[in-house]
Amino acid sequence: MSDPDRLALLEDAVRDELVALWADLDTAIRNAVEGQWSMQCDWVTDRIKQLTQLVGPTPWEQVQIPLLEGGVYQRIHAELGVSVEVDMTGVAEVRAIIDAGAR
């Protein structure tokens, strides 16, 4: 396997890990006392920031809706100085579908 192929595989693995870390952050927030921020949230956020600096932001479509609605995704990227655009109309549409399915 060539070096460029290995680099591409590594980048793909980092992107996959970022998607998993966003899910871990969503879980950490839900599991925190009264849904507040916890040390676990800090730890996961630090990992997200480290990996985002290597491969760029995870597309918002791959991030849990509560993290987008609450601005967590946007805040973390802003702290890194990374610009992200979230289609909040699209987020609201997904939320409506989720809420309709829960009824």
PDB file of N, CA and C in Angstrom:
ATOM      1  N   MET A   1       0.852  -1.177   0.000  1.00  0.00           N
ATOM      2  CA  MET A   1       0.000   0.000   0.000  1.00  0.00           C
ATOM      3  C   MET A   1       0.898   1.241   0.000  1.00  0.00           C
ATOM      4  N   SER A   2       0.560   2.177  -0.852  1.00  0.00           N
ATOM      5  CA  SER A   2       1.363   3.395  -0.966  1.00  0.00           C
ATOM      6  C   SER A   2       1.097   4.336   0.205  1.00  0.00           C
ATOM      7  N   ASP A   3       2.015   5.257   0.411  1.00  0.00           N
ATOM      8  CA  ASP A   3       1.851   6.238   1.486  1.00  0.00           C
ATOM      9  C   ASP A   3       0.585   7.081   1.312  1.00  0.00           C
ATOM     10  N   PRO A   4       0.273   7.555   0.090  1.00  0.00           N
ATOM     11  CA  PRO A   4      -0.980   8.316  -0.068  1.00  0.00           C
ATOM     12  C   PRO A   4      -2.220   7.479   0.278  1.00  0.00           C
ATOM     13  N   ASP A   5      -2.188   6.189  -0.051  1.00  0.00           N
ATOM     14  CA  ASP A   5      -3.315   5.319   0.289  1.00  0.00           C
ATOM     15  C   ASP A   5      -3.444   5.168   1.797  1.00  0.00           C
ATOM     16  N   ARG A   6      -2.329   5.021   2.469  1.00  0.00           N
ATOM     17  CA  ARG A   6      -2.343   4.909   3.938  1.00  0.00           C
ATOM     18  C   ARG A   6      -2.844   6.200   4.574  1.00  0.00           C
ATOM     19  N   LEU A   7      -2.403   7.324   4.030  1.00  0.00           N
ATOM     20  CA  LEU A   7      -2.861   8.616   4.557  1.00  0.00           C
ATOM     21  C   LEU A   7      -4.369   8.763   4.374  1.00  0.00           C
ATOM     22  N   ALA A   8      -4.891   8.354   3.226  1.00  0.00           N
ATOM     23  CA  ALA A   8      -6.333   8.428   2.979  1.00  0.00           C
ATOM     24  C   ALA A   8      -7.093   7.534   3.950  1.00  0.00           C
ATOM     25  N   LEU A   9      -6.576   6.342   4.217  1.00  0.00           N
ATOM     26  CA  LEU A   9      -7.214   5.440   5.189  1.00  0.00           C
ATOM     27  C   LEU A   9      -7.195   6.038   6.588  1.00  0.00           C
ATOM     28  N   LEU A  10      -6.082   6.654   6.929  1.00  0.00           N
ATOM     29  CA  LEU A  10      -5.973   7.283   8.249  1.00  0.00           C
ATOM     30  C   LEU A  10      -6.962   8.440   8.382  1.00  0.00           C
ATOM     31  N   GLU A  11      -7.060   9.257   7.365  1.00  0.00           N
ATOM     32  CA  GLU A  11      -8.008  10.374   7.390  1.00  0.00           C
ATOM     33  C   GLU A  11      -9.445   9.869   7.505  1.00  0.00           C
ATOM     34  N   ASP A  12      -9.765   8.813   6.785  1.00  0.00           N
ATOM     35  CA  ASP A  12     -11.106   8.226   6.882  1.00  0.00           C
ATOM     36  C   ASP A  12     -11.374   7.717   8.292  1.00  0.00           C
ATOM     37  N   ALA A  13     -10.379   7.093   8.899  1.00  0.00           N
ATOM     38  CA  ALA A  13     -10.540   6.574  10.260  1.00  0.00           C
ATOM     39  C   ALA A  13     -10.757   7.716  11.248  1.00  0.00           C
ATOM     40  N   VAL A  14     -10.042   8.818  11.071  1.00  0.00           N
ATOM     41  CA  VAL A  14     -10.212   9.978  11.958  1.00  0.00           C
ATOM     42  C   VAL A  14     -11.602  10.571  11.781  1.00  0.00           C
ATOM     43  N   ARG A  15     -12.070  10.665  10.557  1.00  0.00           N
ATOM     44  CA  ARG A  15     -13.426  11.192  10.319  1.00  0.00           C
ATOM     45  C   ARG A  15     -14.490  10.287  10.955  1.00  0.00           C
ATOM     46  N   ASP A  16     -14.305   8.971  10.826  1.00  0.00           N
ATOM     47  CA  ASP A  16     -15.233   8.027  11.464  1.00  0.00           C
ATOM     48  C   ASP A  16     -15.204   8.191  12.980  1.00  0.00           C
ATOM     49  N   GLU A  17     -14.021   8.375  13.539  1.00  0.00           N
ATOM     50  CA  GLU A  17     -13.891   8.558  14.985  1.00  0.00           C
ATOM     51  C   GLU A  17     -14.582   9.845  15.426  1.00  0.00           C
ATOM     52  N   LEU A  18     -14.481  10.890  14.627  1.00  0.00           N
ATOM     53  CA  LEU A  18     -15.167  12.144  14.962  1.00  0.00           C
ATOM     54  C   LEU A  18     -16.679  11.953  15.019  1.00  0.00           C
ATOM     55  N   VAL A  19     -17.234  11.234  14.069  1.00  0.00           N
ATOM     56  CA  VAL A  19     -18.676  10.966  14.086  1.00  0.00           C
ATOM     57  C   VAL A  19     -19.041  10.245  15.379  1.00  0.00           C
ATOM     58  N   ALA A  20     -18.231   9.273  15.767  1.00  0.00           N
ATOM     59  CA  ALA A  20     -18.486   8.529  17.012  1.00  0.00           C
ATOM     60  C   ALA A  20     -18.333   9.436  18.235  1.00  0.00           C
ATOM     61  N   LEU A  21     -17.374  10.338  18.204  1.00  0.00           N
ATOM     62  CA  LEU A  21     -17.182  11.240  19.346  1.00  0.00           C
ATOM     63  C   LEU A  21     -18.347  12.213  19.505  1.00  0.00           C
ATOM     64  N   TRP A  22     -18.918  12.673  18.406  1.00  0.00           N
ATOM     65  CA  TRP A  22     -20.106  13.536  18.512  1.00  0.00           C
ATOM     66  C   TRP A  22     -21.250  12.771  19.176  1.00  0.00           C
ATOM     67  N   ALA A  23     -21.414  11.510  18.807  1.00  0.00           N
ATOM     68  CA  ALA A  23     -22.445  10.680  19.450  1.00  0.00           C
ATOM     69  C   ALA A  23     -22.119  10.489  20.929  1.00  0.00           C
ATOM     70  N   ASP A  24     -20.838  10.295  21.239  1.00  0.00           N
ATOM     71  CA  ASP A  24     -20.421  10.156  22.643  1.00  0.00           C
ATOM     72  C   ASP A  24     -20.710  11.431  23.431  1.00  0.00           C
ATOM     73  N   LEU A  25     -20.500  12.588  22.804  1.00  0.00           N
ATOM     74  CA  LEU A  25     -20.782  13.854  23.488  1.00  0.00           C
ATOM     75  C   LEU A  25     -22.272  13.995  23.759  1.00  0.00           C
ATOM     76  N   ASP A  26     -23.091  13.648  22.793  1.00  0.00           N
ATOM     77  CA  ASP A  26     -24.545  13.689  22.990  1.00  0.00           C
ATOM     78  C   ASP A  26     -24.939  12.790  24.164  1.00  0.00           C
ATOM     79  N   THR A  27     -24.384  11.597  24.218  1.00  0.00           N
ATOM     80  CA  THR A  27     -24.668  10.667  25.318  1.00  0.00           C
ATOM     81  C   THR A  27     -24.166  11.224  26.643  1.00  0.00           C
ATOM     82  N   ALA A  28     -22.970  11.794  26.645  1.00  0.00           N
ATOM     83  CA  ALA A  28     -22.403  12.347  27.881  1.00  0.00           C
ATOM     84  C   ALA A  28     -23.275  13.471  28.432  1.00  0.00           C
ATOM     85  N   ILE A  29     -23.797  14.304  27.559  1.00  0.00           N
ATOM     86  CA  ILE A  29     -24.674  15.391  28.016  1.00  0.00           C
ATOM     87  C   ILE A  29     -25.967  14.816  28.590  1.00  0.00           C
ATOM     88  N   ARG A  30     -26.547  13.837  27.907  1.00  0.00           N
ATOM     89  CA  ARG A  30     -27.796  13.232  28.394  1.00  0.00           C
ATOM     90  C   ARG A  30     -27.584  12.502  29.720  1.00  0.00           C
ATOM     91  N   ASN A  31     -26.403  11.946  29.933  1.00  0.00           N
ATOM     92  CA  ASN A  31     -26.121  11.202  31.159  1.00  0.00           C
ATOM     93  C   ASN A  31     -25.636  12.079  32.306  1.00  0.00           C
ATOM     94  N   ALA A  32     -25.294  13.321  32.019  1.00  0.00           N
ATOM     95  CA  ALA A  32     -24.813  14.230  33.067  1.00  0.00           C
ATOM     96  C   ALA A  32     -25.967  14.581  34.009  1.00  0.00           C
ATOM     97  N   VAL A  33     -25.629  14.905  35.213  1.00  0.00           N
ATOM     98  CA  VAL A  33     -26.632  15.286  36.203  1.00  0.00           C
ATOM     99  C   VAL A  33     -27.432  16.467  35.665  1.00  0.00           C
ATOM    100  N   GLU A  34     -28.738  16.299  35.590  1.00  0.00           N
ATOM    101  CA  GLU A  34     -29.666  17.320  35.100  1.00  0.00           C
ATOM    102  C   GLU A  34     -29.307  17.800  33.692  1.00  0.00           C
ATOM    103  N   GLY A  35     -28.668  16.943  32.907  1.00  0.00           N
ATOM    104  CA  GLY A  35     -28.335  17.283  31.533  1.00  0.00           C
ATOM    105  C   GLY A  35     -27.335  18.407  31.387  1.00  0.00           C
ATOM    106  N   GLN A  36     -26.593  18.663  32.452  1.00  0.00           N
ATOM    107  CA  GLN A  36     -25.606  19.735  32.430  1.00  0.00           C
ATOM    108  C   GLN A  36     -24.271  19.214  31.908  1.00  0.00           C
ATOM    109  N   TRP A  37     -23.350  20.107  31.708  1.00  0.00           N
ATOM    110  CA  TRP A  37     -22.013  19.768  31.224  1.00  0.00           C
ATOM    111  C   TRP A  37     -21.250  19.043  32.319  1.00  0.00           C
ATOM    112  N   SER A  38     -20.447  18.069  31.945  1.00  0.00           N
ATOM    113  CA  SER A  38     -19.697  17.280  32.914  1.00  0.00           C
ATOM    114  C   SER A  38     -18.237  17.179  32.496  1.00  0.00           C
ATOM    115  N   MET A  39     -17.444  16.576  33.365  1.00  0.00           N
ATOM    116  CA  MET A  39     -16.036  16.339  33.026  1.00  0.00           C
ATOM    117  C   MET A  39     -15.935  15.400  31.825  1.00  0.00           C
ATOM    118  N   GLN A  40     -16.849  14.448  31.714  1.00  0.00           N
ATOM    119  CA  GLN A  40     -16.878  13.558  30.552  1.00  0.00           C
ATOM    120  C   GLN A  40     -17.108  14.367  29.279  1.00  0.00           C
ATOM    121  N   CYS A  41     -18.002  15.351  29.347  1.00  0.00           N
ATOM    122  CA  CYS A  41     -18.250  16.215  28.191  1.00  0.00           C
ATOM    123  C   CYS A  41     -16.973  16.970  27.805  1.00  0.00           C
ATOM    124  N   ASP A  42     -16.260  17.471  28.808  1.00  0.00           N
ATOM    125  CA  ASP A  42     -14.995  18.168  28.544  1.00  0.00           C
ATOM    126  C   ASP A  42     -13.998  17.252  27.852  1.00  0.00           C
ATOM    127  N   TRP A  43     -13.897  16.022  28.335  1.00  0.00           N
ATOM    128  CA  TRP A  43     -12.940  15.074  27.771  1.00  0.00           C
ATOM    129  C   TRP A  43     -13.283  14.781  26.304  1.00  0.00           C
ATOM    130  N   VAL A  44     -14.546  14.505  26.025  1.00  0.00           N
ATOM    131  CA  VAL A  44     -14.958  14.203  24.650  1.00  0.00           C
ATOM    132  C   VAL A  44     -14.757  15.431  23.763  1.00  0.00           C
ATOM    133  N   THR A  45     -15.081  16.608  24.272  1.00  0.00           N
ATOM    134  CA  THR A  45     -14.899  17.843  23.505  1.00  0.00           C
ATOM    135  C   THR A  45     -13.431  18.054  23.154  1.00  0.00           C
ATOM    136  N   ASP A  46     -12.547  17.795  24.091  1.00  0.00           N
ATOM    137  CA  ASP A  46     -11.114  17.930  23.809  1.00  0.00           C
ATOM    138  C   ASP A  46     -10.696  17.013  22.667  1.00  0.00           C
ATOM    139  N   ARG A  47     -11.197  15.789  22.656  1.00  0.00           N
ATOM    140  CA  ARG A  47     -10.879  14.834  21.581  1.00  0.00           C
ATOM    141  C   ARG A  47     -11.452  15.328  20.246  1.00  0.00           C
ATOM    142  N   ILE A  48     -12.684  15.830  20.279  1.00  0.00           N
ATOM    143  CA  ILE A  48     -13.287  16.363  19.053  1.00  0.00           C
ATOM    144  C   ILE A  48     -12.423  17.495  18.502  1.00  0.00           C
ATOM    145  N   LYS A  49     -12.001  18.384  19.371  1.00  0.00           N
ATOM    146  CA  LYS A  49     -11.181  19.515  18.932  1.00  0.00           C
ATOM    147  C   LYS A  49      -9.853  19.050  18.345  1.00  0.00           C
ATOM    148  N   GLN A  50      -9.206  18.091  18.988  1.00  0.00           N
ATOM    149  CA  GLN A  50      -7.920  17.593  18.486  1.00  0.00           C
ATOM    150  C   GLN A  50      -8.065  17.015  17.084  1.00  0.00           C
ATOM    151  N   LEU A  51      -9.071  16.171  16.901  1.00  0.00           N
ATOM    152  CA  LEU A  51      -9.222  15.506  15.613  1.00  0.00           C
ATOM    153  C   LEU A  51      -9.759  16.446  14.537  1.00  0.00           C
ATOM    154  N   THR A  52     -10.606  17.389  14.928  1.00  0.00           N
ATOM    155  CA  THR A  52     -11.131  18.361  13.960  1.00  0.00           C
ATOM    156  C   THR A  52     -10.001  19.192  13.374  1.00  0.00           C
ATOM    157  N   GLN A  53      -9.011  19.497  14.183  1.00  0.00           N
ATOM    158  CA  GLN A  53      -7.870  20.269  13.689  1.00  0.00           C
ATOM    159  C   GLN A  53      -7.067  19.486  12.644  1.00  0.00           C
ATOM    160  N   LEU A  54      -7.195  18.167  12.650  1.00  0.00           N
ATOM    161  CA  LEU A  54      -6.470  17.333  11.692  1.00  0.00           C
ATOM    162  C   LEU A  54      -7.211  17.156  10.371  1.00  0.00           C
ATOM    163  N   VAL A  55      -8.546  17.003  10.431  1.00  0.00           N
ATOM    164  CA  VAL A  55      -9.301  16.666   9.217  1.00  0.00           C
ATOM    165  C   VAL A  55     -10.450  17.621   8.914  1.00  0.00           C
ATOM    166  N   GLY A  56     -10.650  18.630   9.723  1.00  0.00           N
ATOM    167  CA  GLY A  56     -11.738  19.563   9.483  1.00  0.00           C
ATOM    168  C   GLY A  56     -13.018  19.118  10.176  1.00  0.00           C
ATOM    169  N   PRO A  57     -14.043  19.952  10.086  1.00  0.00           N
ATOM    170  CA  PRO A  57     -15.287  19.674  10.807  1.00  0.00           C
ATOM    171  C   PRO A  57     -16.067  18.494  10.243  1.00  0.00           C
ATOM    172  N   THR A  58     -16.744  17.820  11.134  1.00  0.00           N
ATOM    173  CA  THR A  58     -17.695  16.780  10.752  1.00  0.00           C
ATOM    174  C   THR A  58     -18.910  17.480  10.138  1.00  0.00           C
ATOM    175  N   PRO A  59     -19.414  17.001   9.014  1.00  0.00           N
ATOM    176  CA  PRO A  59     -20.615  17.630   8.451  1.00  0.00           C
ATOM    177  C   PRO A  59     -21.761  17.621   9.475  1.00  0.00           C
ATOM    178  N   TRP A  60     -22.489  18.715   9.526  1.00  0.00           N
ATOM    179  CA  TRP A  60     -23.550  18.830  10.538  1.00  0.00           C
ATOM    180  C   TRP A  60     -24.579  17.722  10.397  1.00  0.00           C
ATOM    181  N   GLU A  61     -24.767  17.202   9.190  1.00  0.00           N
ATOM    182  CA  GLU A  61     -25.748  16.145   8.966  1.00  0.00           C
ATOM    183  C   GLU A  61     -25.397  14.848   9.691  1.00  0.00           C
ATOM    184  N   GLN A  62     -24.152  14.729  10.152  1.00  0.00           N
ATOM    185  CA  GLN A  62     -23.698  13.529  10.852  1.00  0.00           C
ATOM    186  C   GLN A  62     -23.645  13.727  12.368  1.00  0.00           C
ATOM    187  N   VAL A  63     -24.211  14.841  12.837  1.00  0.00           N
ATOM    188  CA  VAL A  63     -24.169  15.195  14.255  1.00  0.00           C
ATOM    189  C   VAL A  63     -25.583  15.147  14.825  1.00  0.00           C
ATOM    190  N   GLN A  64     -25.701  14.750  16.079  1.00  0.00           N
ATOM    191  CA  GLN A  64     -27.003  14.611  16.729  1.00  0.00           C
ATOM    192  C   GLN A  64     -27.720  15.963  16.798  1.00  0.00           C
ATOM    193  N   ILE A  65     -29.019  15.906  16.540  1.00  0.00           N
ATOM    194  CA  ILE A  65     -29.861  17.104  16.482  1.00  0.00           C
ATOM    195  C   ILE A  65     -29.758  17.966  17.746  1.00  0.00           C
ATOM    196  N   PRO A  66     -29.800  17.401  18.970  1.00  0.00           N
ATOM    197  CA  PRO A  66     -29.704  18.266  20.149  1.00  0.00           C
ATOM    198  C   PRO A  66     -28.413  19.087  20.205  1.00  0.00           C
ATOM    199  N   LEU A  67     -27.323  18.554  19.666  1.00  0.00           N
ATOM    200  CA  LEU A  67     -26.058  19.294  19.670  1.00  0.00           C
ATOM    201  C   LEU A  67     -26.111  20.473  18.705  1.00  0.00           C
ATOM    202  N   LEU A  68     -26.891  20.343  17.662  1.00  0.00           N
ATOM    203  CA  LEU A  68     -27.070  21.441  16.706  1.00  0.00           C
ATOM    204  C   LEU A  68     -28.058  22.462  17.251  1.00  0.00           C
ATOM    205  N   GLU A  69     -29.183  21.963  17.784  1.00  0.00           N
ATOM    206  CA  GLU A  69     -30.217  22.863  18.324  1.00  0.00           C
ATOM    207  C   GLU A  69     -29.679  23.689  19.483  1.00  0.00           C
ATOM    208  N   GLY A  70     -28.853  23.093  20.317  1.00  0.00           N
ATOM    209  CA  GLY A  70     -28.299  23.795  21.471  1.00  0.00           C
ATOM    210  C   GLY A  70     -27.063  24.618  21.170  1.00  0.00           C
ATOM    211  N   GLY A  71     -26.590  24.563  19.920  1.00  0.00           N
ATOM    212  CA  GLY A  71     -25.430  25.353  19.530  1.00  0.00           C
ATOM    213  C   GLY A  71     -24.097  24.771  19.972  1.00  0.00           C
ATOM    214  N   VAL A  72     -24.083  23.553  20.487  1.00  0.00           N
ATOM    215  CA  VAL A  72     -22.840  22.937  20.962  1.00  0.00           C
ATOM    216  C   VAL A  72     -21.873  22.735  19.799  1.00  0.00           C
ATOM    217  N   TYR A  73     -22.366  22.185  18.706  1.00  0.00           N
ATOM    218  CA  TYR A  73     -21.556  21.956  17.509  1.00  0.00           C
ATOM    219  C   TYR A  73     -20.945  23.275  17.031  1.00  0.00           C
ATOM    220  N   GLN A  74     -21.774  24.301  16.944  1.00  0.00           N
ATOM    221  CA  GLN A  74     -21.318  25.595  16.466  1.00  0.00           C
ATOM    222  C   GLN A  74     -20.302  26.203  17.438  1.00  0.00           C
ATOM    223  N   ARG A  75     -20.551  26.103  18.746  1.00  0.00           N
ATOM    224  CA  ARG A  75     -19.650  26.690  19.746  1.00  0.00           C
ATOM    225  C   ARG A  75     -18.277  26.040  19.717  1.00  0.00           C
ATOM    226  N   ILE A  76     -18.251  24.714  19.636  1.00  0.00           N
ATOM    227  CA  ILE A  76     -16.969  24.007  19.640  1.00  0.00           C
ATOM    228  C   ILE A  76     -16.130  24.429  18.429  1.00  0.00           C
ATOM    229  N   HIS A  77     -16.761  24.549  17.281  1.00  0.00           N
ATOM    230  CA  HIS A  77     -16.012  24.972  16.101  1.00  0.00           C
ATOM    231  C   HIS A  77     -15.578  26.430  16.211  1.00  0.00           C
ATOM    232  N   ALA A  78     -16.441  27.268  16.768  1.00  0.00           N
ATOM    233  CA  ALA A  78     -16.077  28.678  16.956  1.00  0.00           C
ATOM    234  C   ALA A  78     -14.864  28.792  17.872  1.00  0.00           C
ATOM    235  N   GLU A  79     -14.805  27.969  18.905  1.00  0.00           N
ATOM    236  CA  GLU A  79     -13.653  27.987  19.811  1.00  0.00           C
ATOM    237  C   GLU A  79     -12.368  27.611  19.085  1.00  0.00           C
ATOM    238  N   LEU A  80     -12.483  26.825  18.031  1.00  0.00           N
ATOM    239  CA  LEU A  80     -11.319  26.433  17.225  1.00  0.00           C
ATOM    240  C   LEU A  80     -11.011  27.451  16.126  1.00  0.00           C
ATOM    241  N   GLY A  81     -11.921  28.406  15.928  1.00  0.00           N
ATOM    242  CA  GLY A  81     -11.764  29.345  14.830  1.00  0.00           C
ATOM    243  C   GLY A  81     -12.114  28.724  13.489  1.00  0.00           C
ATOM    244  N   VAL A  82     -12.953  27.685  13.524  1.00  0.00           N
ATOM    245  CA  VAL A  82     -13.368  26.970  12.321  1.00  0.00           C
ATOM    246  C   VAL A  82     -14.799  27.390  11.989  1.00  0.00           C
ATOM    247  N   SER A  83     -14.995  27.827  10.763  1.00  0.00           N
ATOM    248  CA  SER A  83     -16.323  28.255  10.336  1.00  0.00           C
ATOM    249  C   SER A  83     -17.152  27.041   9.912  1.00  0.00           C
ATOM    250  N   VAL A  84     -18.357  26.935  10.454  1.00  0.00           N
ATOM    251  CA  VAL A  84     -19.294  25.888  10.052  1.00  0.00           C
ATOM    252  C   VAL A  84     -20.645  26.526   9.770  1.00  0.00           C
ATOM    253  N   GLU A  85     -21.303  26.023   8.772  1.00  0.00           N
ATOM    254  CA  GLU A  85     -22.645  26.477   8.422  1.00  0.00           C
ATOM    255  C   GLU A  85     -23.610  25.341   8.719  1.00  0.00           C
ATOM    256  N   VAL A  86     -24.608  25.623   9.532  1.00  0.00           N
ATOM    257  CA  VAL A  86     -25.637  24.630   9.855  1.00  0.00           C
ATOM    258  C   VAL A  86     -26.953  25.118   9.278  1.00  0.00           C
ATOM    259  N   ASP A  87     -27.594  24.276   8.516  1.00  0.00           N
ATOM    260  CA  ASP A  87     -28.906  24.595   7.950  1.00  0.00           C
ATOM    261  C   ASP A  87     -29.947  24.365   9.040  1.00  0.00           C
ATOM    262  N   MET A  88     -30.239  25.411   9.797  1.00  0.00           N
ATOM    263  CA  MET A  88     -31.162  25.268  10.919  1.00  0.00           C
ATOM    264  C   MET A  88     -32.585  24.968  10.445  1.00  0.00           C
ATOM    265  N   THR A  89     -32.925  25.336   9.223  1.00  0.00           N
ATOM    266  CA  THR A  89     -34.217  24.939   8.668  1.00  0.00           C
ATOM    267  C   THR A  89     -34.240  23.427   8.490  1.00  0.00           C
ATOM    268  N   GLY A  90     -33.145  22.886   7.981  1.00  0.00           N
ATOM    269  CA  GLY A  90     -33.023  21.437   7.842  1.00  0.00           C
ATOM    270  C   GLY A  90     -33.055  20.733   9.184  1.00  0.00           C
ATOM    271  N   VAL A  91     -32.406  21.326  10.180  1.00  0.00           N
ATOM    272  CA  VAL A  91     -32.425  20.767  11.534  1.00  0.00           C
ATOM    273  C   VAL A  91     -33.854  20.739  12.062  1.00  0.00           C
ATOM    274  N   ALA A  92     -34.579  21.837  11.863  1.00  0.00           N
ATOM    275  CA  ALA A  92     -35.972  21.906  12.329  1.00  0.00           C
ATOM    276  C   ALA A  92     -36.843  20.868  11.616  1.00  0.00           C
ATOM    277  N   GLU A  93     -36.570  20.638  10.345  1.00  0.00           N
ATOM    278  CA  GLU A  93     -37.332  19.631   9.608  1.00  0.00           C
ATOM    279  C   GLU A  93     -37.065  18.230  10.160  1.00  0.00           C
ATOM    280  N   VAL A  94     -35.804  17.941  10.461  1.00  0.00           N
ATOM    281  CA  VAL A  94     -35.464  16.640  11.049  1.00  0.00           C
ATOM    282  C   VAL A  94     -36.118  16.503  12.419  1.00  0.00           C
ATOM    283  N   ARG A  95     -36.083  17.570  13.211  1.00  0.00           N
ATOM    284  CA  ARG A  95     -36.718  17.549  14.536  1.00  0.00           C
ATOM    285  C   ARG A  95     -38.203  17.244  14.402  1.00  0.00           C
ATOM    286  N   ALA A  96     -38.862  17.865  13.440  1.00  0.00           N
ATOM    287  CA  ALA A  96     -40.300  17.639  13.234  1.00  0.00           C
ATOM    288  C   ALA A  96     -40.571  16.172  12.879  1.00  0.00           C
ATOM    289  N   ILE A  97     -39.721  15.590  12.059  1.00  0.00           N
ATOM    290  CA  ILE A  97     -39.876  14.178  11.701  1.00  0.00           C
ATOM    291  C   ILE A  97     -39.682  13.299  12.924  1.00  0.00           C
ATOM    292  N   ILE A  98     -38.669  13.606  13.723  1.00  0.00           N
ATOM    293  CA  ILE A  98     -38.420  12.833  14.945  1.00  0.00           C
ATOM    294  C   ILE A  98     -39.607  12.939  15.887  1.00  0.00           C
ATOM    295  N   ASP A  99     -40.087  14.160  16.095  1.00  0.00           N
ATOM    296  CA  ASP A  99     -41.203  14.368  17.017  1.00  0.00           C
ATOM    297  C   ASP A  99     -42.483  13.692  16.519  1.00  0.00           C
ATOM    298  N   ALA A 100     -42.710  13.711  15.208  1.00  0.00           N
ATOM    299  CA  ALA A 100     -43.899  13.070  14.649  1.00  0.00           C
ATOM    300  C   ALA A 100     -43.817  11.567  14.813  1.00  0.00           C
ATOM    301  N   GLY A 101     -42.640  11.008  14.704  1.00  0.00           N
ATOM    302  CA  GLY A 101     -42.460   9.575  14.890  1.00  0.00           C
ATOM    303  C   GLY A 101     -42.594   9.126  16.327  1.00  0.00           C
ATOM    304  N   ALA A 102     -42.342  10.047  17.255  1.00  0.00           N
ATOM    305  CA  ALA A 102     -42.431   9.711  18.684  1.00  0.00           C
ATOM    306  C   ALA A 102     -43.866   9.715  19.186  1.00  0.00           C
ATOM    307  N   ARG A 103     -44.788  10.228  18.385  1.00  0.00           N
ATOM    308  CA  ARG A 103     -46.189  10.316  18.819  1.00  0.00           C
ATOM    309  C   ARG A 103     -46.924   9.046  18.588  1.00  0.00           C
TER     310      ARG A 103
END
